[in-house]
Amino acid sequence: MFKRQSGMRRQTIEKARGGEGVTIFDHIFETDEMGTNCRVLAKLTLEPGTSIGYHTHEDEEDIYYILSGIATVNMNGETRLLYPGEAACLAVGGSHSIANEGQVPLEVISVIVTV
């Protein structure tokens, strides 16, 4: 399957998971288009001051890959800065949050896989 950016669904979520600001989800492929256990494959955009609040993935893994900007990621109580080209993988049952405390938009690929 091939897909142009113009065919990707854009979703905006205000205060995602109790965070701040508006997170933009550009869904690269929808769940039913992938035919796997992948629930989300999206590019997230967080403007400065935007965050996705701390939350748990009971039966899922969540992977972040940083495209641009600097992400502040709290994973299971440990906070780290992630830079373009770096990634984080949250194991099943873990909790995390992500924030853009920088001055430029943060762009992240998010992959959520169910188990």
PDB file of N, CA and C in Angstrom:
ATOM      1  N   MET A   1       0.844  -1.176   0.000  1.00  0.00           N
ATOM      2  CA  MET A   1       0.000   0.000   0.000  1.00  0.00           C
ATOM      3  C   MET A   1       0.889   1.239   0.000  1.00  0.00           C
ATOM      4  N   PHE A   2       0.517   2.199  -0.778  1.00  0.00           N
ATOM      5  CA  PHE A   2       1.184   3.492  -0.819  1.00  0.00           C
ATOM      6  C   PHE A   2       0.188   4.547  -0.359  1.00  0.00           C
ATOM      7  N   LYS A   3       0.719   5.604   0.225  1.00  0.00           N
ATOM      8  CA  LYS A   3      -0.182   6.638   0.729  1.00  0.00           C
ATOM      9  C   LYS A   3       0.508   7.988   0.644  1.00  0.00           C
ATOM     10  N   ARG A   4      -0.179   8.963   0.112  1.00  0.00           N
ATOM     11  CA  ARG A   4       0.340  10.330   0.075  1.00  0.00           C
ATOM     12  C   ARG A   4      -0.052  11.055   1.355  1.00  0.00           C
ATOM     13  N   GLN A   5       0.728  12.067   1.695  1.00  0.00           N
ATOM     14  CA  GLN A   5       0.436  12.824   2.916  1.00  0.00           C
ATOM     15  C   GLN A   5      -0.978  13.391   2.871  1.00  0.00           C
ATOM     16  N   SER A   6      -1.429  13.787   1.685  1.00  0.00           N
ATOM     17  CA  SER A   6      -2.774  14.360   1.555  1.00  0.00           C
ATOM     18  C   SER A   6      -3.873  13.356   1.904  1.00  0.00           C
ATOM     19  N   GLY A   7      -3.550  12.060   1.903  1.00  0.00           N
ATOM     20  CA  GLY A   7      -4.525  11.031   2.239  1.00  0.00           C
ATOM     21  C   GLY A   7      -4.478  10.595   3.687  1.00  0.00           C
ATOM     22  N   MET A   8      -3.615  11.214   4.468  1.00  0.00           N
ATOM     23  CA  MET A   8      -3.486  10.843   5.877  1.00  0.00           C
ATOM     24  C   MET A   8      -4.417  11.685   6.740  1.00  0.00           C
ATOM     25  N   ARG A   9      -5.082  11.030   7.666  1.00  0.00           N
ATOM     26  CA  ARG A   9      -6.030  11.718   8.551  1.00  0.00           C
ATOM     27  C   ARG A   9      -5.279  12.523   9.605  1.00  0.00           C
ATOM     28  N   ARG A  10      -5.686  13.774   9.760  1.00  0.00           N
ATOM     29  CA  ARG A  10      -5.129  14.640  10.807  1.00  0.00           C
ATOM     30  C   ARG A  10      -6.134  14.706  11.947  1.00  0.00           C
ATOM     31  N   GLN A  11      -5.616  14.510  13.155  1.00  0.00           N
ATOM     32  CA  GLN A  11      -6.439  14.564  14.366  1.00  0.00           C
ATOM     33  C   GLN A  11      -5.779  15.533  15.329  1.00  0.00           C
ATOM     34  N   THR A  12      -6.552  16.415  15.916  1.00  0.00           N
ATOM     35  CA  THR A  12      -6.022  17.321  16.932  1.00  0.00           C
ATOM     36  C   THR A  12      -6.683  16.979  18.261  1.00  0.00           C
ATOM     37  N   ILE A  13      -5.847  16.870  19.287  1.00  0.00           N
ATOM     38  CA  ILE A  13      -6.351  16.524  20.608  1.00  0.00           C
ATOM     39  C   ILE A  13      -5.888  17.594  21.593  1.00  0.00           C
ATOM     40  N   GLU A  14      -6.855  18.263  22.204  1.00  0.00           N
ATOM     41  CA  GLU A  14      -6.543  19.274  23.204  1.00  0.00           C
ATOM     42  C   GLU A  14      -6.300  18.593  24.548  1.00  0.00           C
ATOM     43  N   LYS A  15      -5.214  18.980  25.208  1.00  0.00           N
ATOM     44  CA  LYS A  15      -4.851  18.452  26.527  1.00  0.00           C
ATOM     45  C   LYS A  15      -4.813  16.922  26.518  1.00  0.00           C
ATOM     46  N   ALA A  16      -4.081  16.347  25.564  1.00  0.00           N
ATOM     47  CA  ALA A  16      -3.990  14.895  25.402  1.00  0.00           C
ATOM     48  C   ALA A  16      -3.541  14.234  26.704  1.00  0.00           C
ATOM     49  N   ARG A  17      -4.306  13.258  27.148  1.00  0.00           N
ATOM     50  CA  ARG A  17      -4.005  12.500  28.364  1.00  0.00           C
ATOM     51  C   ARG A  17      -3.760  13.406  29.568  1.00  0.00           C
ATOM     52  N   GLY A  18      -4.427  14.565  29.590  1.00  0.00           N
ATOM     53  CA  GLY A  18      -4.289  15.498  30.705  1.00  0.00           C
ATOM     54  C   GLY A  18      -3.106  16.437  30.582  1.00  0.00           C
ATOM     55  N   GLY A  19      -2.477  16.470  29.409  1.00  0.00           N
ATOM     56  CA  GLY A  19      -1.341  17.365  29.178  1.00  0.00           C
ATOM     57  C   GLY A  19      -1.786  18.778  28.876  1.00  0.00           C
ATOM     58  N   GLU A  20      -0.896  19.523  28.246  1.00  0.00           N
ATOM     59  CA  GLU A  20      -1.150  20.935  27.923  1.00  0.00           C
ATOM     60  C   GLU A  20      -1.167  21.140  26.409  1.00  0.00           C
ATOM     61  N   GLY A  21      -1.895  22.151  25.963  1.00  0.00           N
ATOM     62  CA  GLY A  21      -1.892  22.543  24.558  1.00  0.00           C
ATOM     63  C   GLY A  21      -2.619  21.551  23.660  1.00  0.00           C
ATOM     64  N   VAL A  22      -2.357  21.683  22.353  1.00  0.00           N
ATOM     65  CA  VAL A  22      -3.004  20.851  21.334  1.00  0.00           C
ATOM     66  C   VAL A  22      -1.941  20.009  20.637  1.00  0.00           C
ATOM     67  N   THR A  23      -2.124  18.683  20.673  1.00  0.00           N
ATOM     68  CA  THR A  23      -1.230  17.759  19.982  1.00  0.00           C
ATOM     69  C   THR A  23      -1.854  17.398  18.646  1.00  0.00           C
ATOM     70  N   ILE A  24      -1.061  17.466  17.590  1.00  0.00           N
ATOM     71  CA  ILE A  24      -1.521  17.105  16.250  1.00  0.00           C
ATOM     72  C   ILE A  24      -1.029  15.696  15.941  1.00  0.00           C
ATOM     73  N   PHE A  25      -1.959  14.823  15.579  1.00  0.00           N
ATOM     74  CA  PHE A  25      -1.645  13.459  15.152  1.00  0.00           C
ATOM     75  C   PHE A  25      -1.888  13.375  13.648  1.00  0.00           C
ATOM     76  N   ASP A  26      -0.854  13.128  12.871  1.00  0.00           N
ATOM     77  CA  ASP A  26      -1.001  12.825  11.450  1.00  0.00           C
ATOM     78  C   ASP A  26      -0.862  11.315  11.323  1.00  0.00           C
ATOM     79  N   HIS A  27      -1.992  10.626  11.148  1.00  0.00           N
ATOM     80  CA  HIS A  27      -2.018   9.169  11.113  1.00  0.00           C
ATOM     81  C   HIS A  27      -1.449   8.687   9.779  1.00  0.00           C
ATOM     82  N   ILE A  28      -0.263   8.095   9.820  1.00  0.00           N
ATOM     83  CA  ILE A  28       0.406   7.626   8.605  1.00  0.00           C
ATOM     84  C   ILE A  28      -0.398   6.490   7.995  1.00  0.00           C
ATOM     85  N   PHE A  29      -0.733   5.500   8.804  1.00  0.00           N
ATOM     86  CA  PHE A  29      -1.652   4.437   8.420  1.00  0.00           C
ATOM     87  C   PHE A  29      -2.643   4.246   9.550  1.00  0.00           C
ATOM     88  N   GLU A  30      -3.874   3.925   9.197  1.00  0.00           N
ATOM     89  CA  GLU A  30      -4.902   3.620  10.181  1.00  0.00           C
ATOM     90  C   GLU A  30      -4.745   2.162  10.628  1.00  0.00           C
ATOM     91  N   THR A  31      -5.291   1.838  11.773  1.00  0.00           N
ATOM     92  CA  THR A  31      -5.175   0.494  12.329  1.00  0.00           C
ATOM     93  C   THR A  31      -5.608  -0.567  11.319  1.00  0.00           C
ATOM     94  N   ASP A  32      -6.745  -0.361  10.667  1.00  0.00           N
ATOM     95  CA  ASP A  32      -7.267  -1.365   9.734  1.00  0.00           C
ATOM     96  C   ASP A  32      -6.498  -1.425   8.421  1.00  0.00           C
ATOM     97  N   GLU A  33      -5.594  -0.495   8.184  1.00  0.00           N
ATOM     98  CA  GLU A  33      -4.782  -0.515   6.959  1.00  0.00           C
ATOM     99  C   GLU A  33      -3.491  -1.312   7.137  1.00  0.00           C
ATOM    100  N   MET A  34      -3.111  -1.610   8.375  1.00  0.00           N
ATOM    101  CA  MET A  34      -1.817  -2.234   8.628  1.00  0.00           C
ATOM    102  C   MET A  34      -1.869  -3.751   8.731  1.00  0.00           C
ATOM    103  N   GLY A  35      -2.960  -4.328   9.187  1.00  0.00           N
ATOM    104  CA  GLY A  35      -3.069  -5.774   9.270  1.00  0.00           C
ATOM    105  C   GLY A  35      -2.110  -6.416  10.259  1.00  0.00           C
ATOM    106  N   THR A  36      -1.712  -5.678  11.289  1.00  0.00           N
ATOM    107  CA  THR A  36      -0.802  -6.198  12.308  1.00  0.00           C
ATOM    108  C   THR A  36      -1.349  -5.834  13.674  1.00  0.00           C
ATOM    109  N   ASN A  37      -0.528  -5.983  14.697  1.00  0.00           N
ATOM    110  CA  ASN A  37      -0.905  -5.557  16.041  1.00  0.00           C
ATOM    111  C   ASN A  37      -0.573  -4.095  16.280  1.00  0.00           C
ATOM    112  N   CYS A  38      -0.251  -3.381  15.244  1.00  0.00           N
ATOM    113  CA  CYS A  38       0.059  -1.959  15.369  1.00  0.00           C
ATOM    114  C   CYS A  38      -1.253  -1.178  15.465  1.00  0.00           C
ATOM    115  N   ARG A  39      -1.451  -0.487  16.581  1.00  0.00           N
ATOM    116  CA  ARG A  39      -2.676   0.296  16.785  1.00  0.00           C
ATOM    117  C   ARG A  39      -2.517   1.723  16.293  1.00  0.00           C
ATOM    118  N   VAL A  40      -1.298   2.288  16.444  1.00  0.00           N
ATOM    119  CA  VAL A  40      -1.046   3.664  16.022  1.00  0.00           C
ATOM    120  C   VAL A  40       0.291   3.725  15.295  1.00  0.00           C
ATOM    121  N   LEU A  41       0.287   4.383  14.149  1.00  0.00           N
ATOM    122  CA  LEU A  41       1.507   4.785  13.451  1.00  0.00           C
ATOM    123  C   LEU A  41       1.237   6.210  12.993  1.00  0.00           C
ATOM    124  N   ALA A  42       1.812   7.164  13.717  1.00  0.00           N
ATOM    125  CA  ALA A  42       1.485   8.565  13.466  1.00  0.00           C
ATOM    126  C   ALA A  42       2.683   9.466  13.706  1.00  0.00           C
ATOM    127  N   LYS A  43       2.653  10.609  13.026  1.00  0.00           N
ATOM    128  CA  LYS A  43       3.607  11.676  13.331  1.00  0.00           C
ATOM    129  C   LYS A  43       2.883  12.641  14.254  1.00  0.00           C
ATOM    130  N   LEU A  44       3.469  12.877  15.430  1.00  0.00           N
ATOM    131  CA  LEU A  44       2.898  13.814  16.387  1.00  0.00           C
ATOM    132  C   LEU A  44       3.634  15.132  16.285  1.00  0.00           C
ATOM    133  N   THR A  45       2.919  16.219  16.388  1.00  0.00           N
ATOM    134  CA  THR A  45       3.521  17.542  16.437  1.00  0.00           C
ATOM    135  C   THR A  45       3.051  18.225  17.709  1.00  0.00           C
ATOM    136  N   LEU A  46       4.023  18.648  18.515  1.00  0.00           N
ATOM    137  CA  LEU A  46       3.744  19.366  19.756  1.00  0.00           C
ATOM    138  C   LEU A  46       4.430  20.720  19.666  1.00  0.00           C
ATOM    139  N   GLU A  47       3.661  21.778  19.671  1.00  0.00           N
ATOM    140  CA  GLU A  47       4.228  23.127  19.675  1.00  0.00           C
ATOM    141  C   GLU A  47       4.880  23.378  21.043  1.00  0.00           C
ATOM    142  N   PRO A  48       5.729  24.394  21.136  1.00  0.00           N
ATOM    143  CA  PRO A  48       6.330  24.717  22.435  1.00  0.00           C
ATOM    144  C   PRO A  48       5.257  24.858  23.518  1.00  0.00           C
ATOM    145  N   GLY A  49       5.526  24.270  24.683  1.00  0.00           N
ATOM    146  CA  GLY A  49       4.586  24.316  25.802  1.00  0.00           C
ATOM    147  C   GLY A  49       3.533  23.230  25.780  1.00  0.00           C
ATOM    148  N   THR A  50       3.546  22.381  24.755  1.00  0.00           N
ATOM    149  CA  THR A  50       2.553  21.318  24.628  1.00  0.00           C
ATOM    150  C   THR A  50       3.088  20.027  25.228  1.00  0.00           C
ATOM    151  N   SER A  51       2.187  19.230  25.816  1.00  0.00           N
ATOM    152  CA  SER A  51       2.588  17.947  26.386  1.00  0.00           C
ATOM    153  C   SER A  51       1.456  16.934  26.266  1.00  0.00           C
ATOM    154  N   ILE A  52       1.846  15.667  26.335  1.00  0.00           N
ATOM    155  CA  ILE A  52       0.903  14.566  26.499  1.00  0.00           C
ATOM    156  C   ILE A  52       1.116  14.085  27.924  1.00  0.00           C
ATOM    157  N   GLY A  53       0.068  14.087  28.722  1.00  0.00           N
ATOM    158  CA  GLY A  53       0.181  13.785  30.148  1.00  0.00           C
ATOM    159  C   GLY A  53       0.620  12.362  30.446  1.00  0.00           C
ATOM    160  N   TYR A  54       1.065  12.160  31.660  1.00  0.00           N
ATOM    161  CA  TYR A  54       1.565  10.863  32.139  1.00  0.00           C
ATOM    162  C   TYR A  54       0.429   9.857  32.118  1.00  0.00           C
ATOM    163  N   HIS A  55       0.630   8.730  31.444  1.00  0.00           N
ATOM    164  CA  HIS A  55      -0.401   7.707  31.312  1.00  0.00           C
ATOM    165  C   HIS A  55       0.236   6.331  31.171  1.00  0.00           C
ATOM    166  N   THR A  56      -0.572   5.290  31.346  1.00  0.00           N
ATOM    167  CA  THR A  56      -0.108   3.903  31.344  1.00  0.00           C
ATOM    168  C   THR A  56      -0.625   3.181  30.106  1.00  0.00           C
ATOM    169  N   HIS A  57       0.208   2.281  29.573  1.00  0.00           N
ATOM    170  CA  HIS A  57      -0.174   1.397  28.462  1.00  0.00           C
ATOM    171  C   HIS A  57      -0.239  -0.025  29.016  1.00  0.00           C
ATOM    172  N   GLU A  58      -1.428  -0.480  29.381  1.00  0.00           N
ATOM    173  CA  GLU A  58      -1.604  -1.783  30.031  1.00  0.00           C
ATOM    174  C   GLU A  58      -1.208  -2.953  29.137  1.00  0.00           C
ATOM    175  N   ASP A  59      -1.695  -2.982  27.910  1.00  0.00           N
ATOM    176  CA  ASP A  59      -1.469  -4.112  27.001  1.00  0.00           C
ATOM    177  C   ASP A  59      -0.795  -3.667  25.709  1.00  0.00           C
ATOM    178  N   GLU A  60       0.076  -2.669  25.817  1.00  0.00           N
ATOM    179  CA  GLU A  60       0.698  -2.095  24.620  1.00  0.00           C
ATOM    180  C   GLU A  60       2.133  -1.677  24.904  1.00  0.00           C
ATOM    181  N   GLU A  61       2.897  -1.615  23.836  1.00  0.00           N
ATOM    182  CA  GLU A  61       4.200  -0.961  23.842  1.00  0.00           C
ATOM    183  C   GLU A  61       4.039   0.339  23.064  1.00  0.00           C
ATOM    184  N   ASP A  62       4.767   1.376  23.444  1.00  0.00           N
ATOM    185  CA  ASP A  62       4.717   2.653  22.732  1.00  0.00           C
ATOM    186  C   ASP A  62       6.153   3.078  22.444  1.00  0.00           C
ATOM    187  N   ILE A  63       6.413   3.365  21.186  1.00  0.00           N
ATOM    188  CA  ILE A  63       7.746   3.759  20.746  1.00  0.00           C
ATOM    189  C   ILE A  63       7.681   5.191  20.244  1.00  0.00           C
ATOM    190  N   TYR A  64       8.633   6.015  20.694  1.00  0.00           N
ATOM    191  CA  TYR A  64       8.793   7.380  20.187  1.00  0.00           C
ATOM    192  C   TYR A  64      10.119   7.463  19.438  1.00  0.00           C
ATOM    193  N   TYR A  65      10.087   8.071  18.252  1.00  0.00           N
ATOM    194  CA  TYR A  65      11.306   8.372  17.500  1.00  0.00           C
ATOM    195  C   TYR A  65      11.272   9.869  17.204  1.00  0.00           C
ATOM    196  N   ILE A  66      12.277  10.595  17.648  1.00  0.00           N
ATOM    197  CA  ILE A  66      12.282  12.053  17.542  1.00  0.00           C
ATOM    198  C   ILE A  66      12.785  12.475  16.164  1.00  0.00           C
ATOM    199  N   LEU A  67      11.957  13.248  15.455  1.00  0.00           N
ATOM    200  CA  LEU A  67      12.332  13.772  14.138  1.00  0.00           C
ATOM    201  C   LEU A  67      12.969  15.150  14.242  1.00  0.00           C
ATOM    202  N   SER A  68      12.365  16.023  15.042  1.00  0.00           N
ATOM    203  CA  SER A  68      12.897  17.382  15.205  1.00  0.00           C
ATOM    204  C   SER A  68      12.451  17.941  16.549  1.00  0.00           C
ATOM    205  N   GLY A  69      13.223  18.901  17.047  1.00  0.00           N
ATOM    206  CA  GLY A  69      12.958  19.470  18.352  1.00  0.00           C
ATOM    207  C   GLY A  69      13.593  18.627  19.447  1.00  0.00           C
ATOM    208  N   ILE A  70      13.316  18.983  20.681  1.00  0.00           N
ATOM    209  CA  ILE A  70      13.842  18.266  21.839  1.00  0.00           C
ATOM    210  C   ILE A  70      12.661  17.839  22.706  1.00  0.00           C
ATOM    211  N   ALA A  71      12.592  16.541  22.992  1.00  0.00           N
ATOM    212  CA  ALA A  71      11.499  15.992  23.787  1.00  0.00           C
ATOM    213  C   ALA A  71      11.950  15.779  25.221  1.00  0.00           C
ATOM    214  N   THR A  72      11.094  16.122  26.162  1.00  0.00           N
ATOM    215  CA  THR A  72      11.287  15.755  27.554  1.00  0.00           C
ATOM    216  C   THR A  72      10.358  14.573  27.798  1.00  0.00           C
ATOM    217  N   VAL A  73      10.945  13.402  28.022  1.00  0.00           N
ATOM    218  CA  VAL A  73      10.165  12.169  28.186  1.00  0.00           C
ATOM    219  C   VAL A  73      10.338  11.645  29.600  1.00  0.00           C
ATOM    220  N   ASN A  74       9.224  11.402  30.264  1.00  0.00           N
ATOM    221  CA  ASN A  74       9.226  10.759  31.572  1.00  0.00           C
ATOM    222  C   ASN A  74       8.732   9.336  31.338  1.00  0.00           C
ATOM    223  N   MET A  75       9.601   8.367  31.582  1.00  0.00           N
ATOM    224  CA  MET A  75       9.243   6.967  31.410  1.00  0.00           C
ATOM    225  C   MET A  75       9.402   6.258  32.744  1.00  0.00           C
ATOM    226  N   ASN A  76       8.274   5.841  33.303  1.00  0.00           N
ATOM    227  CA  ASN A  76       8.269   5.123  34.583  1.00  0.00           C
ATOM    228  C   ASN A  76       9.007   5.892  35.668  1.00  0.00           C
ATOM    229  N   GLY A  77       8.846   7.227  35.669  1.00  0.00           N
ATOM    230  CA  GLY A  77       9.437   8.068  36.705  1.00  0.00           C
ATOM    231  C   GLY A  77      10.830   8.571  36.413  1.00  0.00           C
ATOM    232  N   GLU A  78      11.435   8.141  35.311  1.00  0.00           N
ATOM    233  CA  GLU A  78      12.767   8.618  34.921  1.00  0.00           C
ATOM    234  C   GLU A  78      12.623   9.587  33.752  1.00  0.00           C
ATOM    235  N   THR A  79      13.139  10.806  33.913  1.00  0.00           N
ATOM    236  CA  THR A  79      13.002  11.833  32.887  1.00  0.00           C
ATOM    237  C   THR A  79      14.310  11.994  32.124  1.00  0.00           C
ATOM    238  N   ARG A  80      14.170  12.053  30.781  1.00  0.00           N
ATOM    239  CA  ARG A  80      15.323  12.237  29.901  1.00  0.00           C
ATOM    240  C   ARG A  80      14.958  13.202  28.784  1.00  0.00           C
ATOM    241  N   LEU A  81      15.973  13.886  28.266  1.00  0.00           N
ATOM    242  CA  LEU A  81      15.822  14.667  27.046  1.00  0.00           C
ATOM    243  C   LEU A  81      16.170  13.766  25.868  1.00  0.00           C
ATOM    244  N   LEU A  82      15.346  13.811  24.822  1.00  0.00           N
ATOM    245  CA  LEU A  82      15.622  13.074  23.595  1.00  0.00           C
ATOM    246  C   LEU A  82      15.747  14.063  22.452  1.00  0.00           C
ATOM    247  N   TYR A  83      16.747  13.829  21.599  1.00  0.00           N
ATOM    248  CA  TYR A  83      17.077  14.709  20.487  1.00  0.00           C
ATOM    249  C   TYR A  83      16.780  14.013  19.164  1.00  0.00           C
ATOM    250  N   PRO A  84      16.736  14.759  18.052  1.00  0.00           N
ATOM    251  CA  PRO A  84      16.468  14.135  16.754  1.00  0.00           C
ATOM    252  C   PRO A  84      17.373  12.922  16.509  1.00  0.00           C
ATOM    253  N   GLY A  85      16.743  11.840  16.050  1.00  0.00           N
ATOM    254  CA  GLY A  85      17.454  10.599  15.794  1.00  0.00           C
ATOM    255  C   GLY A  85      17.485   9.664  16.984  1.00  0.00           C
ATOM    256  N   GLU A  86      16.969  10.105  18.141  1.00  0.00           N
ATOM    257  CA  GLU A  86      16.928   9.255  19.330  1.00  0.00           C
ATOM    258  C   GLU A  86      15.517   8.710  19.526  1.00  0.00           C
ATOM    259  N   ALA A  87      15.424   7.638  20.317  1.00  0.00           N
ATOM    260  CA  ALA A  87      14.145   6.948  20.477  1.00  0.00           C
ATOM    261  C   ALA A  87      13.968   6.454  21.909  1.00  0.00           C
ATOM    262  N   ALA A  88      12.718   6.138  22.242  1.00  0.00           N
ATOM    263  CA  ALA A  88      12.375   5.534  23.526  1.00  0.00           C
ATOM    264  C   ALA A  88      11.323   4.472  23.267  1.00  0.00           C
ATOM    265  N   CYS A  89      11.422   3.352  23.988  1.00  0.00           N
ATOM    266  CA  CYS A  89      10.442   2.271  23.872  1.00  0.00           C
ATOM    267  C   CYS A  89       9.892   1.978  25.254  1.00  0.00           C
ATOM    268  N   LEU A  90       8.598   2.170  25.415  1.00  0.00           N
ATOM    269  CA  LEU A  90       7.920   1.900  26.676  1.00  0.00           C
ATOM    270  C   LEU A  90       7.413   0.463  26.656  1.00  0.00           C
ATOM    271  N   ALA A  91       7.837  -0.338  27.619  1.00  0.00           N
ATOM    272  CA  ALA A  91       7.413  -1.728  27.700  1.00  0.00           C
ATOM    273  C   ALA A  91       5.957  -1.834  28.140  1.00  0.00           C
ATOM    274  N   VAL A  92       5.367  -2.980  27.864  1.00  0.00           N
ATOM    275  CA  VAL A  92       3.988  -3.267  28.260  1.00  0.00           C
ATOM    276  C   VAL A  92       3.809  -3.010  29.756  1.00  0.00           C
ATOM    277  N   GLY A  93       2.750  -2.286  30.088  1.00  0.00           N
ATOM    278  CA  GLY A  93       2.440  -1.985  31.483  1.00  0.00           C
ATOM    279  C   GLY A  93       3.136  -0.756  32.022  1.00  0.00           C
ATOM    280  N   GLY A  94       3.986  -0.123  31.212  1.00  0.00           N
ATOM    281  CA  GLY A  94       4.712   1.061  31.655  1.00  0.00           C
ATOM    282  C   GLY A  94       3.893   2.333  31.524  1.00  0.00           C
ATOM    283  N   SER A  95       4.422   3.400  32.113  1.00  0.00           N
ATOM    284  CA  SER A  95       3.772   4.710  32.074  1.00  0.00           C
ATOM    285  C   SER A  95       4.757   5.742  31.554  1.00  0.00           C
ATOM    286  N   HIS A  96       4.228   6.753  30.855  1.00  0.00           N
ATOM    287  CA  HIS A  96       5.108   7.796  30.322  1.00  0.00           C
ATOM    288  C   HIS A  96       4.345   9.069  29.983  1.00  0.00           C
ATOM    289  N   SER A  97       5.132  10.112  29.718  1.00  0.00           N
ATOM    290  CA  SER A  97       4.612  11.378  29.213  1.00  0.00           C
ATOM    291  C   SER A  97       5.675  11.952  28.297  1.00  0.00           C
ATOM    292  N   ILE A  98       5.272  12.927  27.485  1.00  0.00           N
ATOM    293  CA  ILE A  98       6.207  13.611  26.604  1.00  0.00           C
ATOM    294  C   ILE A  98       5.822  15.081  26.566  1.00  0.00           C
ATOM    295  N   ALA A  99       6.835  15.945  26.537  1.00  0.00           N
ATOM    296  CA  ALA A  99       6.581  17.390  26.543  1.00  0.00           C
ATOM    297  C   ALA A  99       7.573  18.092  25.641  1.00  0.00           C
ATOM    298  N   ASN A 100       7.116  19.207  25.087  1.00  0.00           N
ATOM    299  CA  ASN A 100       7.989  20.093  24.332  1.00  0.00           C
ATOM    300  C   ASN A 100       8.212  21.328  25.187  1.00  0.00           C
ATOM    301  N   GLU A 101       9.370  21.370  25.836  1.00  0.00           N
ATOM    302  CA  GLU A 101       9.730  22.522  26.658  1.00  0.00           C
ATOM    303  C   GLU A 101      10.690  23.432  25.914  1.00  0.00           C
ATOM    304  N   GLY A 102      10.914  23.135  24.622  1.00  0.00           N
ATOM    305  CA  GLY A 102      11.829  23.916  23.802  1.00  0.00           C
ATOM    306  C   GLY A 102      11.149  25.096  23.130  1.00  0.00           C
ATOM    307  N   GLN A 103      11.853  25.674  22.161  1.00  0.00           N
ATOM    308  CA  GLN A 103      11.389  26.880  21.476  1.00  0.00           C
ATOM    309  C   GLN A 103      10.872  26.622  20.065  1.00  0.00           C
ATOM    310  N   VAL A 104      11.020  25.380  19.567  1.00  0.00           N
ATOM    311  CA  VAL A 104      10.582  25.029  18.211  1.00  0.00           C
ATOM    312  C   VAL A 104       9.636  23.837  18.290  1.00  0.00           C
ATOM    313  N   PRO A 105       8.826  23.607  17.251  1.00  0.00           N
ATOM    314  CA  PRO A 105       7.922  22.454  17.276  1.00  0.00           C
ATOM    315  C   PRO A 105       8.689  21.141  17.449  1.00  0.00           C
ATOM    316  N   LEU A 106       8.077  20.224  18.177  1.00  0.00           N
ATOM    317  CA  LEU A 106       8.602  18.876  18.384  1.00  0.00           C
ATOM    318  C   LEU A 106       7.829  17.947  17.471  1.00  0.00           C
ATOM    319  N   GLU A 107       8.552  17.197  16.639  1.00  0.00           N
ATOM    320  CA  GLU A 107       7.922  16.214  15.753  1.00  0.00           C
ATOM    321  C   GLU A 107       8.434  14.827  16.126  1.00  0.00           C
ATOM    322  N   VAL A 108       7.483  13.907  16.321  1.00  0.00           N
ATOM    323  CA  VAL A 108       7.784  12.579  16.841  1.00  0.00           C
ATOM    324  C   VAL A 108       6.999  11.548  16.040  1.00  0.00           C
ATOM    325  N   ILE A 109       7.650  10.438  15.681  1.00  0.00           N
ATOM    326  CA  ILE A 109       6.912   9.289  15.164  1.00  0.00           C
ATOM    327  C   ILE A 109       6.521   8.456  16.378  1.00  0.00           C
ATOM    328  N   SER A 110       5.235   8.114  16.458  1.00  0.00           N
ATOM    329  CA  SER A 110       4.727   7.260  17.540  1.00  0.00           C
ATOM    330  C   SER A 110       4.196   5.968  16.938  1.00  0.00           C
ATOM    331  N   VAL A 111       4.625   4.844  17.519  1.00  0.00           N
ATOM    332  CA  VAL A 111       4.150   3.528  17.122  1.00  0.00           C
ATOM    333  C   VAL A 111       3.641   2.833  18.380  1.00  0.00           C
ATOM    334  N   ILE A 112       2.368   2.469  18.369  1.00  0.00           N
ATOM    335  CA  ILE A 112       1.793   1.746  19.513  1.00  0.00           C
ATOM    336  C   ILE A 112       1.410   0.352  19.009  1.00  0.00           C
ATOM    337  N   VAL A 113       1.974  -0.664  19.678  1.00  0.00           N
ATOM    338  CA  VAL A 113       1.759  -2.050  19.309  1.00  0.00           C
ATOM    339  C   VAL A 113       1.047  -2.759  20.456  1.00  0.00           C
ATOM    340  N   THR A 114      -0.042  -3.444  20.150  1.00  0.00           N
ATOM    341  CA  THR A 114      -0.766  -4.194  21.174  1.00  0.00           C
ATOM    342  C   THR A 114      -0.187  -5.598  21.300  1.00  0.00           C
ATOM    343  N   VAL A 115      -0.310  -6.157  22.498  1.00  0.00           N
ATOM    344  CA  VAL A 115       0.206  -7.521  22.735  1.00  0.00           C
ATOM    345  C   VAL A 115      -0.920  -8.454  23.124  1.00  0.00           C
TER     346      VAL A 115
END
